[in-house]
Amino acid sequence: MRSETAKVTWPSRRETMITTIMVFVMVALASIFFFAADQIIRYLVTLVLGIH
């Protein structure tokens, strides 16, 4: 098991930080997108159904 672990190329600290930041950015963008899509769909449904 140790020999297999030694063969792994581990990412550097910088690569890990960049990847982590990119994940947070993508999560934020996805959250904004889905919030906007939800608001648009909600508006259209209330418009079609005439709910106030």
C-alpha atoms as a PDB file:
ATOM      1  CA  MET A   1       0.000   0.000   0.000  1.00  0.00           C
ATOM      2  CA  ARG A   2       2.818   2.432   0.808  1.00  0.00           C
ATOM      3  CA  SER A   3       4.468   1.796  -2.527  1.00  0.00           C
ATOM      4  CA  GLU A   4       1.234   2.719  -4.324  1.00  0.00           C
ATOM      5  CA  THR A   5       0.861   5.888  -2.254  1.00  0.00           C
ATOM      6  CA  ALA A   6       4.419   6.880  -3.119  1.00  0.00           C
ATOM      7  CA  LYS A   7       3.605   6.630  -6.843  1.00  0.00           C
ATOM      8  CA  VAL A   8       0.766   9.152  -6.614  1.00  0.00           C
ATOM      9  CA  THR A   9       1.534  12.634  -7.923  1.00  0.00           C
ATOM     10  CA  TRP A  10      -0.015  14.878  -5.292  1.00  0.00           C
ATOM     11  CA  PRO A  11      -1.082  18.426  -6.250  1.00  0.00           C
ATOM     12  CA  SER A  12       0.924  21.311  -4.894  1.00  0.00           C
ATOM     13  CA  ARG A  13      -0.485  23.675  -2.284  1.00  0.00           C
ATOM     14  CA  ARG A  14      -0.954  26.341  -4.981  1.00  0.00           C
ATOM     15  CA  GLU A  15      -2.842  23.949  -7.288  1.00  0.00           C
ATOM     16  CA  THR A  16      -5.090  22.924  -4.406  1.00  0.00           C
ATOM     17  CA  MET A  17      -5.863  26.560  -3.533  1.00  0.00           C
ATOM     18  CA  ILE A  18      -6.630  27.463  -7.154  1.00  0.00           C
ATOM     19  CA  THR A  19      -8.909  24.451  -7.536  1.00  0.00           C
ATOM     20  CA  THR A  20     -10.696  25.271  -4.271  1.00  0.00           C
ATOM     21  CA  ILE A  21     -11.244  28.886  -5.325  1.00  0.00           C
ATOM     22  CA  MET A  22     -12.571  27.757  -8.709  1.00  0.00           C
ATOM     23  CA  VAL A  23     -15.039  25.416  -7.000  1.00  0.00           C
ATOM     24  CA  PHE A  24     -16.330  28.273  -4.828  1.00  0.00           C
ATOM     25  CA  VAL A  25     -16.640  30.561  -7.876  1.00  0.00           C
ATOM     26  CA  MET A  26     -18.564  27.925  -9.837  1.00  0.00           C
ATOM     27  CA  VAL A  27     -20.874  27.247  -6.873  1.00  0.00           C
ATOM     28  CA  ALA A  28     -21.580  30.978  -6.561  1.00  0.00           C
ATOM     29  CA  LEU A  29     -22.303  31.298 -10.290  1.00  0.00           C
ATOM     30  CA  ALA A  30     -24.575  28.246 -10.257  1.00  0.00           C
ATOM     31  CA  SER A  31     -26.415  29.632  -7.223  1.00  0.00           C
ATOM     32  CA  ILE A  32     -27.003  32.964  -8.952  1.00  0.00           C
ATOM     33  CA  PHE A  33     -28.155  31.224 -12.139  1.00  0.00           C
ATOM     34  CA  PHE A  34     -30.620  28.934 -10.378  1.00  0.00           C
ATOM     35  CA  PHE A  35     -31.935  31.782  -8.222  1.00  0.00           C
ATOM     36  CA  ALA A  36     -32.575  33.876 -11.350  1.00  0.00           C
ATOM     37  CA  ALA A  37     -34.176  30.928 -13.174  1.00  0.00           C
ATOM     38  CA  ASP A  38     -36.408  30.262 -10.158  1.00  0.00           C
ATOM     39  CA  GLN A  39     -37.523  33.887 -10.011  1.00  0.00           C
ATOM     40  CA  ILE A  40     -38.312  33.962 -13.743  1.00  0.00           C
ATOM     41  CA  ILE A  41     -40.286  30.708 -13.591  1.00  0.00           C
ATOM     42  CA  ARG A  42     -42.132  31.945 -10.495  1.00  0.00           C
ATOM     43  CA  TYR A  43     -43.044  35.185 -12.276  1.00  0.00           C
ATOM     44  CA  LEU A  44     -44.249  33.350 -15.387  1.00  0.00           C
ATOM     45  CA  VAL A  45     -46.346  30.873 -13.387  1.00  0.00           C
ATOM     46  CA  THR A  46     -48.022  33.661 -11.414  1.00  0.00           C
ATOM     47  CA  LEU A  47     -48.608  35.561 -14.661  1.00  0.00           C
ATOM     48  CA  VAL A  48     -50.213  32.552 -16.374  1.00  0.00           C
ATOM     49  CA  LEU A  49     -52.282  31.443 -13.372  1.00  0.00           C
ATOM     50  CA  GLY A  50     -53.243  34.972 -12.353  1.00  0.00           C
ATOM     51  CA  ILE A  51     -52.146  34.488  -8.746  1.00  0.00           C
ATOM     52  CA  HIS A  52     -51.417  37.685  -6.844  1.00  0.00           C
END
